[in-house]
Amino acid sequence: MPDILIYTSTICPYCIMAKRLLDKKGAHYKELNVDTDPKLREEMMQRTKRRTVPQIYINNYHVGGFDDLHALETSKELDLLLATA
């Protein structure tokens, strides 16, 4: 399984949906909740150039948010990304 990092916030429905999709795929991920530490939100914004959560990385590839993750799932590309070591 690849390294997966997901920036989230506590009350974000898109974060919940992204985690559910990854859980359904059996993927293990590291979750960084930006609500718990303002430095994490700054880190996320510097890294992604975006302010919204979730922000998802698979290995070093920036997937984007939930809509992007769902688009990968619909096109069957998510399985290919998750199969990488």
PDB file of N, CA and C in Angstrom:
ATOM      1  N   MET A   1       0.838  -1.192   0.000  1.00  0.00           N
ATOM      2  CA  MET A   1       0.000   0.000   0.000  1.00  0.00           C
ATOM      3  C   MET A   1       0.879   1.250   0.000  1.00  0.00           C
ATOM      4  N   PRO A   2       0.423   2.260  -0.688  1.00  0.00           N
ATOM      5  CA  PRO A   2       1.169   3.521  -0.704  1.00  0.00           C
ATOM      6  C   PRO A   2       0.975   4.309   0.585  1.00  0.00           C
ATOM      7  N   ASP A   3       1.811   5.322   0.761  1.00  0.00           N
ATOM      8  CA  ASP A   3       1.625   6.248   1.876  1.00  0.00           C
ATOM      9  C   ASP A   3       0.515   7.219   1.503  1.00  0.00           C
ATOM     10  N   ILE A   4      -0.482   7.332   2.362  1.00  0.00           N
ATOM     11  CA  ILE A   4      -1.609   8.231   2.122  1.00  0.00           C
ATOM     12  C   ILE A   4      -1.688   9.202   3.287  1.00  0.00           C
ATOM     13  N   LEU A   5      -1.793  10.472   2.942  1.00  0.00           N
ATOM     14  CA  LEU A   5      -1.928  11.533   3.931  1.00  0.00           C
ATOM     15  C   LEU A   5      -3.179  12.317   3.590  1.00  0.00           C
ATOM     16  N   ILE A   6      -4.007  12.570   4.591  1.00  0.00           N
ATOM     17  CA  ILE A   6      -5.226  13.327   4.373  1.00  0.00           C
ATOM     18  C   ILE A   6      -5.354  14.397   5.449  1.00  0.00           C
ATOM     19  N   TYR A   7      -5.402  15.645   5.001  1.00  0.00           N
ATOM     20  CA  TYR A   7      -5.666  16.765   5.899  1.00  0.00           C
ATOM     21  C   TYR A   7      -7.180  16.881   6.041  1.00  0.00           C
ATOM     22  N   THR A   8      -7.667  16.955   7.276  1.00  0.00           N
ATOM     23  CA  THR A   8      -9.102  16.985   7.532  1.00  0.00           C
ATOM     24  C   THR A   8      -9.443  18.041   8.577  1.00  0.00           C
ATOM     25  N   SER A   9     -10.745  18.238   8.758  1.00  0.00           N
ATOM     26  CA  SER A   9     -11.244  18.979   9.914  1.00  0.00           C
ATOM     27  C   SER A   9     -12.394  18.168  10.508  1.00  0.00           C
ATOM     28  N   THR A  10     -12.744  18.484  11.719  1.00  0.00           N
ATOM     29  CA  THR A  10     -13.680  17.661  12.480  1.00  0.00           C
ATOM     30  C   THR A  10     -15.075  17.612  11.889  1.00  0.00           C
ATOM     31  N   ILE A  11     -15.618  18.745  11.458  1.00  0.00           N
ATOM     32  CA  ILE A  11     -17.020  18.767  11.029  1.00  0.00           C
ATOM     33  C   ILE A  11     -17.197  18.788   9.515  1.00  0.00           C
ATOM     34  N   CYS A  12     -16.193  18.406   8.788  1.00  0.00           N
ATOM     35  CA  CYS A  12     -16.216  18.454   7.321  1.00  0.00           C
ATOM     36  C   CYS A  12     -16.857  17.191   6.738  1.00  0.00           C
ATOM     37  N   PRO A  13     -18.026  17.316   6.087  1.00  0.00           N
ATOM     38  CA  PRO A  13     -18.660  16.132   5.514  1.00  0.00           C
ATOM     39  C   PRO A  13     -17.850  15.523   4.371  1.00  0.00           C
ATOM     40  N   TYR A  14     -17.115  16.350   3.626  1.00  0.00           N
ATOM     41  CA  TYR A  14     -16.303  15.813   2.534  1.00  0.00           C
ATOM     42  C   TYR A  14     -15.118  15.014   3.066  1.00  0.00           C
ATOM     43  N   CYS A  15     -14.606  15.421   4.214  1.00  0.00           N
ATOM     44  CA  CYS A  15     -13.539  14.653   4.862  1.00  0.00           C
ATOM     45  C   CYS A  15     -14.050  13.277   5.269  1.00  0.00           C
ATOM     46  N   ILE A  16     -15.239  13.260   5.832  1.00  0.00           N
ATOM     47  CA  ILE A  16     -15.849  11.995   6.249  1.00  0.00           C
ATOM     48  C   ILE A  16     -16.053  11.086   5.039  1.00  0.00           C
ATOM     49  N   MET A  17     -16.558  11.652   3.945  1.00  0.00           N
ATOM     50  CA  MET A  17     -16.787  10.840   2.738  1.00  0.00           C
ATOM     51  C   MET A  17     -15.473  10.333   2.156  1.00  0.00           C
ATOM     52  N   ALA A  18     -14.433  11.157   2.181  1.00  0.00           N
ATOM     53  CA  ALA A  18     -13.131  10.725   1.666  1.00  0.00           C
ATOM     54  C   ALA A  18     -12.575   9.580   2.500  1.00  0.00           C
ATOM     55  N   LYS A  19     -12.672   9.702   3.820  1.00  0.00           N
ATOM     56  CA  LYS A  19     -12.176   8.628   4.690  1.00  0.00           C
ATOM     57  C   LYS A  19     -12.987   7.351   4.507  1.00  0.00           C
ATOM     58  N   ARG A  20     -14.294   7.485   4.327  1.00  0.00           N
ATOM     59  CA  ARG A  20     -15.123   6.294   4.086  1.00  0.00           C
ATOM     60  C   ARG A  20     -14.720   5.590   2.802  1.00  0.00           C
ATOM     61  N   LEU A  21     -14.456   6.365   1.751  1.00  0.00           N
ATOM     62  CA  LEU A  21     -14.048   5.764   0.491  1.00  0.00           C
ATOM     63  C   LEU A  21     -12.714   5.049   0.645  1.00  0.00           C
ATOM     64  N   LEU A  22     -11.772   5.685   1.304  1.00  0.00           N
ATOM     65  CA  LEU A  22     -10.471   5.044   1.517  1.00  0.00           C
ATOM     66  C   LEU A  22     -10.608   3.817   2.411  1.00  0.00           C
ATOM     67  N   ASP A  23     -11.463   3.895   3.428  1.00  0.00           N
ATOM     68  CA  ASP A  23     -11.715   2.732   4.289  1.00  0.00           C
ATOM     69  C   ASP A  23     -12.312   1.581   3.484  1.00  0.00           C
ATOM     70  N   LYS A  24     -13.256   1.921   2.611  1.00  0.00           N
ATOM     71  CA  LYS A  24     -13.898   0.903   1.768  1.00  0.00           C
ATOM     72  C   LYS A  24     -12.876   0.190   0.886  1.00  0.00           C
ATOM     73  N   LYS A  25     -11.855   0.928   0.481  1.00  0.00           N
ATOM     74  CA  LYS A  25     -10.794   0.367  -0.351  1.00  0.00           C
ATOM     75  C   LYS A  25      -9.763  -0.393   0.476  1.00  0.00           C
ATOM     76  N   GLY A  26      -9.890  -0.334   1.804  1.00  0.00           N
ATOM     77  CA  GLY A  26      -8.926  -1.008   2.664  1.00  0.00           C
ATOM     78  C   GLY A  26      -7.605  -0.264   2.763  1.00  0.00           C
ATOM     79  N   ALA A  27      -7.619   1.009   2.417  1.00  0.00           N
ATOM     80  CA  ALA A  27      -6.399   1.810   2.439  1.00  0.00           C
ATOM     81  C   ALA A  27      -6.123   2.322   3.849  1.00  0.00           C
ATOM     82  N   HIS A  28      -4.874   2.339   4.209  1.00  0.00           N
ATOM     83  CA  HIS A  28      -4.442   2.893   5.494  1.00  0.00           C
ATOM     84  C   HIS A  28      -3.903   4.283   5.222  1.00  0.00           C
ATOM     85  N   TYR A  29      -4.288   5.232   6.044  1.00  0.00           N
ATOM     86  CA  TYR A  29      -3.882   6.607   5.813  1.00  0.00           C
ATOM     87  C   TYR A  29      -3.538   7.276   7.136  1.00  0.00           C
ATOM     88  N   LYS A  30      -2.751   8.331   6.998  1.00  0.00           N
ATOM     89  CA  LYS A  30      -2.434   9.174   8.151  1.00  0.00           C
ATOM     90  C   LYS A  30      -3.314  10.406   8.046  1.00  0.00           C
ATOM     91  N   GLU A  31      -4.074  10.666   9.090  1.00  0.00           N
ATOM     92  CA  GLU A  31      -4.980  11.810   9.115  1.00  0.00           C
ATOM     93  C   GLU A  31      -4.380  12.929   9.960  1.00  0.00           C
ATOM     94  N   LEU A  32      -4.347  14.121   9.382  1.00  0.00           N
ATOM     95  CA  LEU A  32      -3.897  15.303  10.108  1.00  0.00           C
ATOM     96  C   LEU A  32      -5.081  16.251  10.207  1.00  0.00           C
ATOM     97  N   ASN A  33      -5.617  16.404  11.407  1.00  0.00           N
ATOM     98  CA  ASN A  33      -6.771  17.264  11.625  1.00  0.00           C
ATOM     99  C   ASN A  33      -6.288  18.694  11.841  1.00  0.00           C
ATOM    100  N   VAL A  34      -6.626  19.570  10.897  1.00  0.00           N
ATOM    101  CA  VAL A  34      -6.134  20.951  10.958  1.00  0.00           C
ATOM    102  C   VAL A  34      -6.801  21.754  12.063  1.00  0.00           C
ATOM    103  N   ASP A  35      -7.874  21.227  12.648  1.00  0.00           N
ATOM    104  CA  ASP A  35      -8.523  21.905  13.777  1.00  0.00           C
ATOM    105  C   ASP A  35      -7.690  21.816  15.053  1.00  0.00           C
ATOM    106  N   THR A  36      -6.857  20.812  15.148  1.00  0.00           N
ATOM    107  CA  THR A  36      -6.118  20.571  16.379  1.00  0.00           C
ATOM    108  C   THR A  36      -4.856  21.415  16.517  1.00  0.00           C
ATOM    109  N   ASP A  37      -4.357  21.937  15.383  1.00  0.00           N
ATOM    110  CA  ASP A  37      -3.115  22.691  15.414  1.00  0.00           C
ATOM    111  C   ASP A  37      -3.095  23.672  14.244  1.00  0.00           C
ATOM    112  N   PRO A  38      -3.116  24.968  14.517  1.00  0.00           N
ATOM    113  CA  PRO A  38      -3.101  25.959  13.432  1.00  0.00           C
ATOM    114  C   PRO A  38      -1.901  25.802  12.488  1.00  0.00           C
ATOM    115  N   LYS A  39      -0.805  25.264  12.995  1.00  0.00           N
ATOM    116  CA  LYS A  39       0.371  25.058  12.146  1.00  0.00           C
ATOM    117  C   LYS A  39       0.095  24.027  11.057  1.00  0.00           C
ATOM    118  N   LEU A  40      -0.772  23.054  11.349  1.00  0.00           N
ATOM    119  CA  LEU A  40      -1.114  22.055  10.335  1.00  0.00           C
ATOM    120  C   LEU A  40      -1.866  22.690   9.174  1.00  0.00           C
ATOM    121  N   ARG A  41      -2.776  23.618   9.469  1.00  0.00           N
ATOM    122  CA  ARG A  41      -3.502  24.299   8.387  1.00  0.00           C
ATOM    123  C   ARG A  41      -2.519  25.117   7.543  1.00  0.00           C
ATOM    124  N   GLU A  42      -1.589  25.802   8.193  1.00  0.00           N
ATOM    125  CA  GLU A  42      -0.573  26.564   7.462  1.00  0.00           C
ATOM    126  C   GLU A  42       0.260  25.645   6.578  1.00  0.00           C
ATOM    127  N   GLU A  43       0.659  24.500   7.148  1.00  0.00           N
ATOM    128  CA  GLU A  43       1.438  23.521   6.389  1.00  0.00           C
ATOM    129  C   GLU A  43       0.652  23.062   5.167  1.00  0.00           C
ATOM    130  N   MET A  44      -0.634  22.738   5.371  1.00  0.00           N
ATOM    131  CA  MET A  44      -1.483  22.276   4.275  1.00  0.00           C
ATOM    132  C   MET A  44      -1.581  23.339   3.189  1.00  0.00           C
ATOM    133  N   MET A  45      -1.808  24.589   3.586  1.00  0.00           N
ATOM    134  CA  MET A  45      -1.974  25.666   2.616  1.00  0.00           C
ATOM    135  C   MET A  45      -0.674  25.932   1.850  1.00  0.00           C
ATOM    136  N   GLN A  46       0.451  25.841   2.526  1.00  0.00           N
ATOM    137  CA  GLN A  46       1.740  26.007   1.853  1.00  0.00           C
ATOM    138  C   GLN A  46       1.971  24.883   0.846  1.00  0.00           C
ATOM    139  N   ARG A  47       1.643  23.693   1.265  1.00  0.00           N
ATOM    140  CA  ARG A  47       1.921  22.514   0.448  1.00  0.00           C
ATOM    141  C   ARG A  47       0.978  22.391  -0.739  1.00  0.00           C
ATOM    142  N   THR A  48      -0.301  22.689  -0.530  1.00  0.00           N
ATOM    143  CA  THR A  48      -1.312  22.436  -1.565  1.00  0.00           C
ATOM    144  C   THR A  48      -1.743  23.686  -2.317  1.00  0.00           C
ATOM    145  N   LYS A  49      -1.461  24.862  -1.761  1.00  0.00           N
ATOM    146  CA  LYS A  49      -1.951  26.134  -2.311  1.00  0.00           C
ATOM    147  C   LYS A  49      -3.477  26.201  -2.269  1.00  0.00           C
ATOM    148  N   ARG A  50      -4.080  25.439  -1.370  1.00  0.00           N
ATOM    149  CA  ARG A  50      -5.527  25.424  -1.182  1.00  0.00           C
ATOM    150  C   ARG A  50      -5.848  25.614   0.287  1.00  0.00           C
ATOM    151  N   ARG A  51      -7.070  26.121   0.545  1.00  0.00           N
ATOM    152  CA  ARG A  51      -7.500  26.391   1.916  1.00  0.00           C
ATOM    153  C   ARG A  51      -8.512  25.370   2.433  1.00  0.00           C
ATOM    154  N   THR A  52      -9.084  24.587   1.535  1.00  0.00           N
ATOM    155  CA  THR A  52     -10.186  23.702   1.907  1.00  0.00           C
ATOM    156  C   THR A  52      -9.695  22.299   2.244  1.00  0.00           C
ATOM    157  N   VAL A  53     -10.475  21.626   3.054  1.00  0.00           N
ATOM    158  CA  VAL A  53     -10.220  20.226   3.386  1.00  0.00           C
ATOM    159  C   VAL A  53     -11.354  19.384   2.820  1.00  0.00           C
ATOM    160  N   PRO A  54     -11.111  18.132   2.556  1.00  0.00           N
ATOM    161  CA  PRO A  54      -9.844  17.430   2.724  1.00  0.00           C
ATOM    162  C   PRO A  54      -8.859  17.765   1.613  1.00  0.00           C
ATOM    163  N   GLN A  55      -7.605  17.546   1.904  1.00  0.00           N
ATOM    164  CA  GLN A  55      -6.532  17.557   0.916  1.00  0.00           C
ATOM    165  C   GLN A  55      -5.831  16.220   1.070  1.00  0.00           C
ATOM    166  N   ILE A  56      -5.739  15.505  -0.035  1.00  0.00           N
ATOM    167  CA  ILE A  56      -5.305  14.107   0.000  1.00  0.00           C
ATOM    168  C   ILE A  56      -4.054  13.928  -0.850  1.00  0.00           C
ATOM    169  N   TYR A  57      -3.085  13.235  -0.275  1.00  0.00           N
ATOM    170  CA  TYR A  57      -1.876  12.839  -0.985  1.00  0.00           C
ATOM    171  C   TYR A  57      -1.796  11.319  -0.993  1.00  0.00           C
ATOM    172  N   ILE A  58      -1.475  10.769  -2.149  1.00  0.00           N
ATOM    173  CA  ILE A  58      -1.155   9.346  -2.259  1.00  0.00           C
ATOM    174  C   ILE A  58       0.277   9.298  -2.753  1.00  0.00           C
ATOM    175  N   ASN A  59       1.141   8.756  -1.904  1.00  0.00           N
ATOM    176  CA  ASN A  59       2.588   8.901  -2.065  1.00  0.00           C
ATOM    177  C   ASN A  59       2.861  10.392  -2.178  1.00  0.00           C
ATOM    178  N   ASN A  60       3.532  10.846  -3.182  1.00  0.00           N
ATOM    179  CA  ASN A  60       3.800  12.278  -3.311  1.00  0.00           C
ATOM    180  C   ASN A  60       2.839  12.954  -4.280  1.00  0.00           C
ATOM    181  N   TYR A  61       1.836  12.231  -4.740  1.00  0.00           N
ATOM    182  CA  TYR A  61       0.870  12.762  -5.698  1.00  0.00           C
ATOM    183  C   TYR A  61      -0.266  13.472  -4.957  1.00  0.00           C
ATOM    184  N   HIS A  62      -0.471  14.741  -5.263  1.00  0.00           N
ATOM    185  CA  HIS A  62      -1.555  15.498  -4.643  1.00  0.00           C
ATOM    186  C   HIS A  62      -2.846  15.202  -5.408  1.00  0.00           C
ATOM    187  N   VAL A  63      -3.704  14.404  -4.800  1.00  0.00           N
ATOM    188  CA  VAL A  63      -4.986  14.056  -5.402  1.00  0.00           C
ATOM    189  C   VAL A  63      -5.887  15.277  -5.436  1.00  0.00           C
ATOM    190  N   GLY A  64      -5.922  16.018  -4.346  1.00  0.00           N
ATOM    191  CA  GLY A  64      -6.825  17.154  -4.194  1.00  0.00           C
ATOM    192  C   GLY A  64      -7.829  16.845  -3.105  1.00  0.00           C
ATOM    193  N   GLY A  65      -9.078  17.236  -3.338  1.00  0.00           N
ATOM    194  CA  GLY A  65     -10.133  17.031  -2.357  1.00  0.00           C
ATOM    195  C   GLY A  65     -10.974  15.804  -2.646  1.00  0.00           C
ATOM    196  N   PHE A  66     -12.134  15.743  -1.977  1.00  0.00           N
ATOM    197  CA  PHE A  66     -12.995  14.582  -2.148  1.00  0.00           C
ATOM    198  C   PHE A  66     -13.489  14.430  -3.578  1.00  0.00           C
ATOM    199  N   ASP A  67     -13.882  15.527  -4.210  1.00  0.00           N
ATOM    200  CA  ASP A  67     -14.367  15.427  -5.590  1.00  0.00           C
ATOM    201  C   ASP A  67     -13.318  14.811  -6.502  1.00  0.00           C
ATOM    202  N   ASP A  68     -12.068  15.185  -6.292  1.00  0.00           N
ATOM    203  CA  ASP A  68     -10.977  14.629  -7.089  1.00  0.00           C
ATOM    204  C   ASP A  68     -10.782  13.147  -6.792  1.00  0.00           C
ATOM    205  N   LEU A  69     -10.856  12.791  -5.519  1.00  0.00           N
ATOM    206  CA  LEU A  69     -10.736  11.390  -5.122  1.00  0.00           C
ATOM    207  C   LEU A  69     -11.866  10.565  -5.723  1.00  0.00           C
ATOM    208  N   HIS A  70     -13.077  11.097  -5.667  1.00  0.00           N
ATOM    209  CA  HIS A  70     -14.241  10.392  -6.226  1.00  0.00           C
ATOM    210  C   HIS A  70     -14.111  10.247  -7.740  1.00  0.00           C
ATOM    211  N   ALA A  71     -13.592  11.266  -8.409  1.00  0.00           N
ATOM    212  CA  ALA A  71     -13.380  11.176  -9.857  1.00  0.00           C
ATOM    213  C   ALA A  71     -12.386  10.071 -10.198  1.00  0.00           C
ATOM    214  N   LEU A  72     -11.336   9.939  -9.388  1.00  0.00           N
ATOM    215  CA  LEU A  72     -10.383   8.845  -9.595  1.00  0.00           C
ATOM    216  C   LEU A  72     -11.052   7.492  -9.396  1.00  0.00           C
ATOM    217  N   GLU A  73     -11.927   7.396  -8.411  1.00  0.00           N
ATOM    218  CA  GLU A  73     -12.650   6.153  -8.159  1.00  0.00           C
ATOM    219  C   GLU A  73     -13.559   5.827  -9.334  1.00  0.00           C
ATOM    220  N   THR A  74     -14.270   6.819  -9.846  1.00  0.00           N
ATOM    221  CA  THR A  74     -15.194   6.614 -10.963  1.00  0.00           C
ATOM    222  C   THR A  74     -14.453   6.154 -12.212  1.00  0.00           C
ATOM    223  N   SER A  75     -13.271   6.710 -12.439  1.00  0.00           N
ATOM    224  CA  SER A  75     -12.494   6.362 -13.636  1.00  0.00           C
ATOM    225  C   SER A  75     -11.622   5.123 -13.426  1.00  0.00           C
ATOM    226  N   LYS A  76     -11.717   4.511 -12.256  1.00  0.00           N
ATOM    227  CA  LYS A  76     -10.941   3.311 -11.893  1.00  0.00           C
ATOM    228  C   LYS A  76      -9.447   3.588 -11.725  1.00  0.00           C
ATOM    229  N   GLU A  77      -9.046   4.857 -11.726  1.00  0.00           N
ATOM    230  CA  GLU A  77      -7.636   5.192 -11.536  1.00  0.00           C
ATOM    231  C   GLU A  77      -7.217   5.106 -10.069  1.00  0.00           C
ATOM    232  N   LEU A  78      -8.176   5.213  -9.160  1.00  0.00           N
ATOM    233  CA  LEU A  78      -7.835   5.143  -7.738  1.00  0.00           C
ATOM    234  C   LEU A  78      -7.238   3.790  -7.396  1.00  0.00           C
ATOM    235  N   ASP A  79      -7.792   2.732  -7.938  1.00  0.00           N
ATOM    236  CA  ASP A  79      -7.253   1.395  -7.675  1.00  0.00           C
ATOM    237  C   ASP A  79      -5.787   1.291  -8.121  1.00  0.00           C
ATOM    238  N   LEU A  80      -5.461   1.929  -9.239  1.00  0.00           N
ATOM    239  CA  LEU A  80      -4.069   1.901  -9.725  1.00  0.00           C
ATOM    240  C   LEU A  80      -3.155   2.655  -8.765  1.00  0.00           C
ATOM    241  N   LEU A  81      -3.609   3.802  -8.288  1.00  0.00           N
ATOM    242  CA  LEU A  81      -2.800   4.569  -7.334  1.00  0.00           C
ATOM    243  C   LEU A  81      -2.613   3.814  -6.027  1.00  0.00           C
ATOM    244  N   LEU A  82      -3.671   3.147  -5.574  1.00  0.00           N
ATOM    245  CA  LEU A  82      -3.587   2.418  -4.319  1.00  0.00           C
ATOM    246  C   LEU A  82      -2.764   1.146  -4.437  1.00  0.00           C
ATOM    247  N   ALA A  83      -2.581   0.653  -5.643  1.00  0.00           N
ATOM    248  CA  ALA A  83      -1.799  -0.566  -5.842  1.00  0.00           C
ATOM    249  C   ALA A  83      -0.306  -0.296  -5.862  1.00  0.00           C
ATOM    250  N   THR A  84       0.093   0.972  -5.932  1.00  0.00           N
ATOM    251  CA  THR A  84       1.516   1.292  -5.985  1.00  0.00           C
ATOM    252  C   THR A  84       2.148   1.053  -4.623  1.00  0.00           C
ATOM    253  N   ALA A  85       3.383   0.623  -4.664  1.00  0.00           N
ATOM    254  CA  ALA A  85       4.091   0.347  -3.405  1.00  0.00           C
ATOM    255  C   ALA A  85       4.885   1.516  -2.940  1.00  0.00           C
TER     256      ALA A  85
END
